[in-house]
PDB file of N, CA and C in Angstrom:
ATOM      1  N   MET A   1     148.899  18.882 137.139  1.00  0.00           N
ATOM      2  CA  MET A   1     148.272  19.252 138.389  1.00  0.00           C
ATOM      3  C   MET A   1     148.345  20.767 138.550  1.00  0.00           C
ATOM      4  N   ASN A   2     147.382  21.439 137.964  1.00  0.00           N
ATOM      5  CA  ASN A   2     147.343  22.888 138.011  1.00  0.00           C
ATOM      6  C   ASN A   2     146.210  23.339 138.932  1.00  0.00           C
ATOM      7  N   THR A   3     146.532  23.571 140.180  1.00  0.00           N
ATOM      8  CA  THR A   3     145.519  24.029 141.135  1.00  0.00           C
ATOM      9  C   THR A   3     145.652  25.534 141.265  1.00  0.00           C
ATOM     10  N   SER A   4     144.675  26.240 140.717  1.00  0.00           N
ATOM     11  CA  SER A   4     144.732  27.701 140.784  1.00  0.00           C
ATOM     12  C   SER A   4     144.071  28.182 142.067  1.00  0.00           C
ATOM     13  N   ARG A   5     144.769  29.031 142.749  1.00  0.00           N
ATOM     14  CA  ARG A   5     144.243  29.608 143.979  1.00  0.00           C
ATOM     15  C   ARG A   5     143.362  30.797 143.635  1.00  0.00           C
ATOM     16  N   PRO A   6     142.353  31.075 144.455  1.00  0.00           N
ATOM     17  CA  PRO A   6     141.522  32.256 144.192  1.00  0.00           C
ATOM     18  C   PRO A   6     142.337  33.533 144.385  1.00  0.00           C
ATOM     19  N   VAL A   7     141.994  34.538 143.610  1.00  0.00           N
ATOM     20  CA  VAL A   7     142.652  35.833 143.738  1.00  0.00           C
ATOM     21  C   VAL A   7     141.896  36.616 144.804  1.00  0.00           C
ATOM     22  N   LEU A   8     142.590  36.955 145.885  1.00  0.00           N
ATOM     23  CA  LEU A   8     141.954  37.627 147.016  1.00  0.00           C
ATOM     24  C   LEU A   8     142.170  39.129 146.949  1.00  0.00           C
ATOM     25  N   ARG A   9     141.146  39.860 147.324  1.00  0.00           N
ATOM     26  CA  ARG A   9     141.217  41.310 147.436  1.00  0.00           C
ATOM     27  C   ARG A   9     140.574  41.717 148.753  1.00  0.00           C
ATOM     28  N   ARG A  10     140.948  42.894 149.264  1.00  0.00           N
ATOM     29  CA  ARG A  10     140.462  43.377 150.547  1.00  0.00           C
ATOM     30  C   ARG A  10     139.398  44.453 150.327  1.00  0.00           C
ATOM     31  N   CYS A  11     138.286  44.313 151.028  1.00  0.00           N
ATOM     32  CA  CYS A  11     137.225  45.320 150.995  1.00  0.00           C
ATOM     33  C   CYS A  11     137.745  46.582 151.671  1.00  0.00           C
ATOM     34  N   VAL A  12     137.553  47.745 151.045  1.00  0.00           N
ATOM     35  CA  VAL A  12     138.062  48.995 151.620  1.00  0.00           C
ATOM     36  C   VAL A  12     137.301  49.399 152.876  1.00  0.00           C
ATOM     37  N   ALA A  13     136.101  48.863 153.076  1.00  0.00           N
ATOM     38  CA  ALA A  13     135.295  49.246 154.242  1.00  0.00           C
ATOM     39  C   ALA A  13     135.540  48.330 155.432  1.00  0.00           C
ATOM     40  N   CYS A  14     135.295  47.033 155.280  1.00  0.00           N
ATOM     41  CA  CYS A  14     135.410  46.114 156.423  1.00  0.00           C
ATOM     42  C   CYS A  14     136.802  45.509 156.558  1.00  0.00           C
ATOM     43  N   ARG A  15     137.652  45.680 155.528  1.00  0.00           N
ATOM     44  CA  ARG A  15     139.044  45.220 155.528  1.00  0.00           C
ATOM     45  C   ARG A  15     139.186  43.695 155.505  1.00  0.00           C
ATOM     46  N   GLU A  16     138.114  42.961 155.176  1.00  0.00           N
ATOM     47  CA  GLU A  16     138.194  41.506 155.085  1.00  0.00           C
ATOM     48  C   GLU A  16     138.642  41.088 153.690  1.00  0.00           C
ATOM     49  N   LEU A  17     139.332  39.944 153.622  1.00  0.00           N
ATOM     50  CA  LEU A  17     139.766  39.398 152.345  1.00  0.00           C
ATOM     51  C   LEU A  17     138.671  38.507 151.762  1.00  0.00           C
ATOM     52  N   PHE A  18     138.420  38.677 150.465  1.00  0.00           N
ATOM     53  CA  PHE A  18     137.437  37.869 149.746  1.00  0.00           C
ATOM     54  C   PHE A  18     137.992  37.530 148.365  1.00  0.00           C
ATOM     55  N   ASP A  19     137.406  36.521 147.738  1.00  0.00           N
ATOM     56  CA  ASP A  19     137.695  36.247 146.336  1.00  0.00           C
ATOM     57  C   ASP A  19     137.226  37.466 145.543  1.00  0.00           C
ATOM     58  N   ARG A  20     138.022  37.939 144.641  1.00  0.00           N
ATOM     59  CA  ARG A  20     137.675  39.191 143.950  1.00  0.00           C
ATOM     60  C   ARG A  20     136.415  39.081 143.108  1.00  0.00           C
ATOM     61  N   SER A  21     135.998  37.875 142.752  1.00  0.00           N
ATOM     62  CA  SER A  21     134.797  37.709 141.923  1.00  0.00           C
ATOM     63  C   SER A  21     133.515  38.066 142.676  1.00  0.00           C
ATOM     64  N   ILE A  22     133.545  38.090 144.012  1.00  0.00           N
ATOM     65  CA  ILE A  22     132.328  38.424 144.762  1.00  0.00           C
ATOM     66  C   ILE A  22     132.314  39.862 145.265  1.00  0.00           C
ATOM     67  N   LEU A  23     133.339  40.627 144.910  1.00  0.00           N
ATOM     68  CA  LEU A  23     133.415  42.030 145.321  1.00  0.00           C
ATOM     69  C   LEU A  23     133.088  42.947 144.151  1.00  0.00           C
ATOM     70  N   TRP A  24     132.626  44.162 144.478  1.00  0.00           N
ATOM     71  CA  TRP A  24     132.488  45.195 143.451  1.00  0.00           C
ATOM     72  C   TRP A  24     133.842  45.828 143.239  1.00  0.00           C
ATOM     73  N   ARG A  25     134.165  46.103 141.987  1.00  0.00           N
ATOM     74  CA  ARG A  25     135.433  46.757 141.656  1.00  0.00           C
ATOM     75  C   ARG A  25     135.130  48.169 141.169  1.00  0.00           C
ATOM     76  N   VAL A  26     135.764  49.144 141.814  1.00  0.00           N
ATOM     77  CA  VAL A  26     135.614  50.548 141.441  1.00  0.00           C
ATOM     78  C   VAL A  26     136.977  50.988 140.906  1.00  0.00           C
ATOM     79  N   ILE A  27     136.990  51.552 139.695  1.00  0.00           N
ATOM     80  CA  ILE A  27     138.234  51.865 139.006  1.00  0.00           C
ATOM     81  C   ILE A  27     138.344  53.354 138.719  1.00  0.00           C
ATOM     82  N   ARG A  28     139.515  53.909 138.937  1.00  0.00           N
ATOM     83  CA  ARG A  28     139.806  55.276 138.501  1.00  0.00           C
ATOM     84  C   ARG A  28     140.562  55.172 137.186  1.00  0.00           C
ATOM     85  N   ASP A  29     139.875  55.525 136.108  1.00  0.00           N
ATOM     86  CA  ASP A  29     140.464  55.464 134.778  1.00  0.00           C
ATOM     87  C   ASP A  29     141.045  56.835 134.440  1.00  0.00           C
ATOM     88  N   HIS A  30     142.158  56.869 133.755  1.00  0.00           N
ATOM     89  CA  HIS A  30     142.798  58.159 133.463  1.00  0.00           C
ATOM     90  C   HIS A  30     142.022  58.994 132.453  1.00  0.00           C
ATOM     91  N   ARG A  31     141.129  58.372 131.659  1.00  0.00           N
ATOM     92  CA  ARG A  31     140.346  59.118 130.677  1.00  0.00           C
ATOM     93  C   ARG A  31     138.897  59.301 131.091  1.00  0.00           C
ATOM     94  N   ASP A  32     138.275  58.220 131.561  1.00  0.00           N
ATOM     95  CA  ASP A  32     136.822  58.210 131.764  1.00  0.00           C
ATOM     96  C   ASP A  32     136.387  58.485 133.190  1.00  0.00           C
ATOM     97  N   GLY A  33     137.289  58.777 134.088  1.00  0.00           N
ATOM     98  CA  GLY A  33     136.907  59.039 135.469  1.00  0.00           C
ATOM     99  C   GLY A  33     136.738  57.752 136.258  1.00  0.00           C
ATOM    100  N   VAL A  34     135.689  57.670 137.058  1.00  0.00           N
ATOM    101  CA  VAL A  34     135.457  56.502 137.905  1.00  0.00           C
ATOM    102  C   VAL A  34     134.498  55.554 137.200  1.00  0.00           C
ATOM    103  N   LEU A  35     134.917  54.301 137.074  1.00  0.00           N
ATOM    104  CA  LEU A  35     134.128  53.261 136.413  1.00  0.00           C
ATOM    105  C   LEU A  35     133.815  52.154 137.400  1.00  0.00           C
ATOM    106  N   LEU A  36     132.821  51.343 137.071  1.00  0.00           N
ATOM    107  CA  LEU A  36     132.484  50.188 137.899  1.00  0.00           C
ATOM    108  C   LEU A  36     132.731  48.904 137.114  1.00  0.00           C
ATOM    109  N   ASP A  37     133.397  47.961 137.746  1.00  0.00           N
ATOM    110  CA  ASP A  37     133.578  46.589 137.284  1.00  0.00           C
ATOM    111  C   ASP A  37     134.594  46.371 136.168  1.00  0.00           C
ATOM    112  N   GLN A  38     134.713  47.238 135.194  1.00  0.00           N
ATOM    113  CA  GLN A  38     135.671  46.967 134.133  1.00  0.00           C
ATOM    114  C   GLN A  38     136.451  48.207 133.755  1.00  0.00           C
ATOM    115  N   GLY A  39     137.651  47.952 133.292  1.00  0.00           N
ATOM    116  CA  GLY A  39     138.513  49.047 132.878  1.00  0.00           C
ATOM    117  C   GLY A  39     139.897  48.864 133.468  1.00  0.00           C
ATOM    118  N   MET A  40     140.789  49.701 133.017  1.00  0.00           N
ATOM    119  CA  MET A  40     142.163  49.658 133.504  1.00  0.00           C
ATOM    120  C   MET A  40     142.409  50.894 134.360  1.00  0.00           C
ATOM    121  N   GLY A  41     143.149  50.709 135.403  1.00  0.00           N
ATOM    122  CA  GLY A  41     143.491  51.837 136.259  1.00  0.00           C
ATOM    123  C   GLY A  41     143.541  51.427 137.712  1.00  0.00           C
ATOM    124  N   ARG A  42     143.678  52.387 138.580  1.00  0.00           N
ATOM    125  CA  ARG A  42     143.730  52.144 140.027  1.00  0.00           C
ATOM    126  C   ARG A  42     142.382  51.620 140.491  1.00  0.00           C
ATOM    127  N   SER A  43     142.396  50.540 141.264  1.00  0.00           N
ATOM    128  CA  SER A  43     141.147  49.892 141.675  1.00  0.00           C
ATOM    129  C   SER A  43     140.995  49.842 143.184  1.00  0.00           C
ATOM    130  N   ALA A  44     139.743  49.807 143.592  1.00  0.00           N
ATOM    131  CA  ALA A  44     139.380  49.569 144.986  1.00  0.00           C
ATOM    132  C   ALA A  44     138.242  48.560 144.967  1.00  0.00           C
ATOM    133  N   TYR A  45     138.182  47.720 145.976  1.00  0.00           N
ATOM    134  CA  TYR A  45     137.161  46.677 146.034  1.00  0.00           C
ATOM    135  C   TYR A  45     136.253  46.916 147.234  1.00  0.00           C
ATOM    136  N   LEU A  46     134.984  46.530 147.056  1.00  0.00           N
ATOM    137  CA  LEU A  46     133.984  46.776 148.082  1.00  0.00           C
ATOM    138  C   LEU A  46     133.043  45.579 148.165  1.00  0.00           C
ATOM    139  N   CYS A  47     132.722  45.164 149.403  1.00  0.00           N
ATOM    140  CA  CYS A  47     131.752  44.078 149.626  1.00  0.00           C
ATOM    141  C   CYS A  47     130.398  44.473 149.064  1.00  0.00           C
ATOM    142  N   ARG A  48     129.609  43.485 148.767  1.00  0.00           N
ATOM    143  CA  ARG A  48     128.249  43.720 148.272  1.00  0.00           C
ATOM    144  C   ARG A  48     127.268  43.759 149.433  1.00  0.00           C
ATOM    145  N   LYS A  49     127.628  44.534 150.461  1.00  0.00           N
ATOM    146  CA  LYS A  49     126.773  44.687 151.637  1.00  0.00           C
ATOM    147  C   LYS A  49     126.480  46.161 151.853  1.00  0.00           C
ATOM    148  N   GLU A  50     125.268  46.444 152.297  1.00  0.00           N
ATOM    149  CA  GLU A  50     124.877  47.831 152.535  1.00  0.00           C
ATOM    150  C   GLU A  50     125.758  48.472 153.602  1.00  0.00           C
ATOM    151  N   SER A  51     126.092  47.710 154.628  1.00  0.00           N
ATOM    152  CA  SER A  51     126.913  48.267 155.711  1.00  0.00           C
ATOM    153  C   SER A  51     128.288  48.690 155.201  1.00  0.00           C
ATOM    154  N   CYS A  52     128.865  47.932 154.288  1.00  0.00           N
ATOM    155  CA  CYS A  52     130.176  48.299 153.736  1.00  0.00           C
ATOM    156  C   CYS A  52     130.071  49.517 152.817  1.00  0.00           C
ATOM    157  N   LEU A  53     129.000  49.587 152.050  1.00  0.00           N
ATOM    158  CA  LEU A  53     128.805  50.753 151.188  1.00  0.00           C
ATOM    159  C   LEU A  53     128.643  52.015 152.024  1.00  0.00           C
ATOM    160  N   GLU A  54     127.847  51.924 153.092  1.00  0.00           N
ATOM    161  CA  GLU A  54     127.646  53.076 153.979  1.00  0.00           C
ATOM    162  C   GLU A  54     128.953  53.484 154.656  1.00  0.00           C
ATOM    163  N   GLU A  55     129.704  52.509 155.129  1.00  0.00           N
ATOM    164  CA  GLU A  55     130.990  52.782 155.793  1.00  0.00           C
ATOM    165  C   GLU A  55     131.969  53.434 154.814  1.00  0.00           C
ATOM    166  N   ALA A  56     132.026  52.912 153.603  1.00  0.00           N
ATOM    167  CA  ALA A  56     132.940  53.461 152.595  1.00  0.00           C
ATOM    168  C   ALA A  56     132.570  54.895 152.248  1.00  0.00           C
ATOM    169  N   GLN A  57     131.276  55.169 152.178  1.00  0.00           N
ATOM    170  CA  GLN A  57     130.839  56.524 151.855  1.00  0.00           C
ATOM    171  C   GLN A  57     131.084  57.476 153.035  1.00  0.00           C
ATOM    172  N   ARG A  58     130.734  57.030 154.220  1.00  0.00           N
ATOM    173  CA  ARG A  58     130.853  57.886 155.401  1.00  0.00           C
ATOM    174  C   ARG A  58     132.309  58.251 155.708  1.00  0.00           C
ATOM    175  N   ARG A  59     133.195  57.281 155.580  1.00  0.00           N
ATOM    176  CA  ARG A  59     134.608  57.526 155.903  1.00  0.00           C
ATOM    177  C   ARG A  59     135.463  57.838 154.673  1.00  0.00           C
ATOM    178  N   LYS A  60     134.800  57.995 153.514  1.00  0.00           N
ATOM    179  CA  LYS A  60     135.482  58.334 152.255  1.00  0.00           C
ATOM    180  C   LYS A  60     136.572  57.316 151.897  1.00  0.00           C
ATOM    181  N   ARG A  61     136.273  56.051 152.124  1.00  0.00           N
ATOM    182  CA  ARG A  61     137.260  55.002 151.855  1.00  0.00           C
ATOM    183  C   ARG A  61     137.569  54.850 150.371  1.00  0.00           C
ATOM    184  N   LEU A  62     136.527  54.976 149.510  1.00  0.00           N
ATOM    185  CA  LEU A  62     136.781  54.879 148.070  1.00  0.00           C
ATOM    186  C   LEU A  62     137.591  56.079 147.581  1.00  0.00           C
ATOM    187  N   HIS A  63     137.292  57.263 148.089  1.00  0.00           N
ATOM    188  CA  HIS A  63     138.042  58.466 147.720  1.00  0.00           C
ATOM    189  C   HIS A  63     139.523  58.276 148.038  1.00  0.00           C
ATOM    190  N   LYS A  64     139.794  57.768 149.231  1.00  0.00           N
ATOM    191  CA  LYS A  64     141.181  57.604 149.673  1.00  0.00           C
ATOM    192  C   LYS A  64     141.888  56.512 148.884  1.00  0.00           C
ATOM    193  N   ALA A  65     141.214  55.396 148.656  1.00  0.00           N
ATOM    194  CA  ALA A  65     141.840  54.284 147.942  1.00  0.00           C
ATOM    195  C   ALA A  65     142.126  54.632 146.484  1.00  0.00           C
ATOM    196  N   LEU A  66     141.208  55.366 145.849  1.00  0.00           N
ATOM    197  CA  LEU A  66     141.375  55.724 144.442  1.00  0.00           C
ATOM    198  C   LEU A  66     142.145  57.023 144.248  1.00  0.00           C
ATOM    199  N   ARG A  67     142.327  57.767 145.345  1.00  0.00           N
ATOM    200  CA  ARG A  67     143.031  59.059 145.309  1.00  0.00           C
ATOM    201  C   ARG A  67     142.358  60.047 144.360  1.00  0.00           C
ATOM    202  N   CYS A  68     141.015  60.040 144.400  1.00  0.00           N
ATOM    203  CA  CYS A  68     140.245  61.001 143.611  1.00  0.00           C
ATOM    204  C   CYS A  68     138.835  61.089 144.185  1.00  0.00           C
ATOM    205  N   GLN A  69     138.083  62.084 143.737  1.00  0.00           N
ATOM    206  CA  GLN A  69     136.693  62.208 144.146  1.00  0.00           C
ATOM    207  C   GLN A  69     135.864  61.155 143.422  1.00  0.00           C
ATOM    208  N   VAL A  70     135.059  60.429 144.156  1.00  0.00           N
ATOM    209  CA  VAL A  70     134.150  59.448 143.562  1.00  0.00           C
ATOM    210  C   VAL A  70     132.801  60.142 143.396  1.00  0.00           C
ATOM    211  N   PRO A  71     132.287  60.217 142.164  1.00  0.00           N
ATOM    212  CA  PRO A  71     131.026  60.939 141.957  1.00  0.00           C
ATOM    213  C   PRO A  71     129.855  60.244 142.655  1.00  0.00           C
ATOM    214  N   ASP A  72     128.875  61.035 143.050  1.00  0.00           N
ATOM    215  CA  ASP A  72     127.677  60.489 143.699  1.00  0.00           C
ATOM    216  C   ASP A  72     126.966  59.495 142.794  1.00  0.00           C
ATOM    217  N   SER A  73     127.073  59.677 141.480  1.00  0.00           N
ATOM    218  CA  SER A  73     126.413  58.754 140.544  1.00  0.00           C
ATOM    219  C   SER A  73     126.964  57.332 140.691  1.00  0.00           C
ATOM    220  N   ALA A  74     128.258  57.195 140.957  1.00  0.00           N
ATOM    221  CA  ALA A  74     128.855  55.864 141.146  1.00  0.00           C
ATOM    222  C   ALA A  74     128.346  55.230 142.440  1.00  0.00           C
ATOM    223  N   ILE A  75     128.236  56.018 143.497  1.00  0.00           N
ATOM    224  CA  ILE A  75     127.714  55.517 144.769  1.00  0.00           C
ATOM    225  C   ILE A  75     126.253  55.105 144.605  1.00  0.00           C
ATOM    226  N   GLU A  76     125.483  55.913 143.887  1.00  0.00           N
ATOM    227  CA  GLU A  76     124.063  55.589 143.662  1.00  0.00           C
ATOM    228  C   GLU A  76     123.905  54.325 142.827  1.00  0.00           C
ATOM    229  N   GLU A  77     124.785  54.133 141.856  1.00  0.00           N
ATOM    230  CA  GLU A  77     124.741  52.908 141.044  1.00  0.00           C
ATOM    231  C   GLU A  77     124.987  51.683 141.933  1.00  0.00           C
ATOM    232  N   LEU A  78     125.944  51.765 142.836  1.00  0.00           N
ATOM    233  CA  LEU A  78     126.199  50.658 143.762  1.00  0.00           C
ATOM    234  C   LEU A  78     125.003  50.443 144.685  1.00  0.00           C
ATOM    235  N   ARG A  79     124.383  51.523 145.107  1.00  0.00           N
ATOM    236  CA  ARG A  79     123.211  51.422 145.979  1.00  0.00           C
ATOM    237  C   ARG A  79     122.047  50.714 145.258  1.00  0.00           C
ATOM    238  N   THR A  80     121.858  51.007 143.964  1.00  0.00           N
ATOM    239  CA  THR A  80     120.791  50.338 143.210  1.00  0.00           C
ATOM    240  C   THR A  80     121.093  48.859 143.019  1.00  0.00           C
ATOM    241  N   ARG A  81     122.360  48.507 142.964  1.00  0.00           N
ATOM    242  CA  ARG A  81     122.730  47.090 142.853  1.00  0.00           C
ATOM    243  C   ARG A  81     122.388  46.313 144.118  1.00  0.00           C
ATOM    244  N   LEU A  82     122.317  47.002 145.238  1.00  0.00           N
ATOM    245  CA  LEU A  82     121.958  46.343 146.498  1.00  0.00           C
ATOM    246  C   LEU A  82     120.489  45.929 146.527  1.00  0.00           C
ATOM    247  N   LYS A  83     119.615  46.691 145.904  1.00  0.00           N
ATOM    248  CA  LYS A  83     118.174  46.471 146.002  1.00  0.00           C
ATOM    249  C   LYS A  83     117.723  45.092 145.532  1.00  0.00           C
ATOM    250  N   PRO A  84     118.180  44.575 144.385  1.00  0.00           N
ATOM    251  CA  PRO A  84     117.764  43.221 143.999  1.00  0.00           C
ATOM    252  C   PRO A  84     118.184  42.165 145.022  1.00  0.00           C
ATOM    253  N   ASN A  85     119.337  42.345 145.652  1.00  0.00           N
ATOM    254  CA  ASN A  85     119.794  41.398 146.666  1.00  0.00           C
ATOM    255  C   ASN A  85     118.842  41.368 147.856  1.00  0.00           C
ATOM    256  N   LYS A  86     118.360  42.534 148.270  1.00  0.00           N
ATOM    257  CA  LYS A  86     117.426  42.597 149.393  1.00  0.00           C
ATOM    258  C   LYS A  86     116.112  41.912 149.041  1.00  0.00           C
ATOM    259  N   GLU A  87     115.613  42.142 147.813  1.00  0.00           N
ATOM    260  CA  GLU A  87     114.334  41.552 147.404  1.00  0.00           C
ATOM    261  C   GLU A  87     114.432  40.041 147.310  1.00  0.00           C
ATOM    262  N   SER A  88     115.543  39.532 146.771  1.00  0.00           N
ATOM    263  CA  SER A  88     115.682  38.081 146.651  1.00  0.00           C
ATOM    264  C   SER A  88     115.843  37.432 148.027  1.00  0.00           C
ATOM    265  N   ALA A  89     116.464  38.125 148.976  1.00  0.00           N
ATOM    266  CA  ALA A  89     116.586  37.592 150.324  1.00  0.00           C
ATOM    267  C   ALA A  89     115.223  37.539 151.011  1.00  0.00           C
ATOM    268  N   ALA A  90     114.376  38.529 150.760  1.00  0.00           N
ATOM    269  CA  ALA A  90     113.028  38.553 151.348  1.00  0.00           C
ATOM    270  C   ALA A  90     112.165  37.439 150.740  1.00  0.00           C
ATOM    271  N   GLU A  91     112.351  37.170 149.449  1.00  0.00           N
ATOM    272  CA  GLU A  91     111.579  36.103 148.804  1.00  0.00           C
ATOM    273  C   GLU A  91     112.002  34.729 149.309  1.00  0.00           C
ATOM    274  N   ALA A  92     113.260  34.584 149.706  1.00  0.00           N
ATOM    275  CA  ALA A  92     113.768  33.295 150.164  1.00  0.00           C
ATOM    276  C   ALA A  92     113.171  32.906 151.514  1.00  0.00           C
ATOM    277  N   ARG A  93     112.666  33.868 152.266  1.00  0.00           N
ATOM    278  CA  ARG A  93     112.120  33.580 153.591  1.00  0.00           C
ATOM    279  C   ARG A  93     110.804  32.951 153.515  1.00  0.00           C
TER     280      ARG A  93
END
């Protein structure tokens, strides 16, 4: 009887707990800088919602959680990931 519980992580913007598989993972790697989704190093998690991305950027939540500057390219990559979600939601209507 091996019942595995979901691994919960907190979104740095809205502070809600979610299963880590549905959150974006932003990593500060000691060699490669800031990475998305894979790698070893200090991590911060973010909801896949535009409001959380905006809040994290406006209040520098990722910068504070990772203790480093997050490049604009990483924020833009997350922003582009939002676009397919919006289109699929519009098609569902």
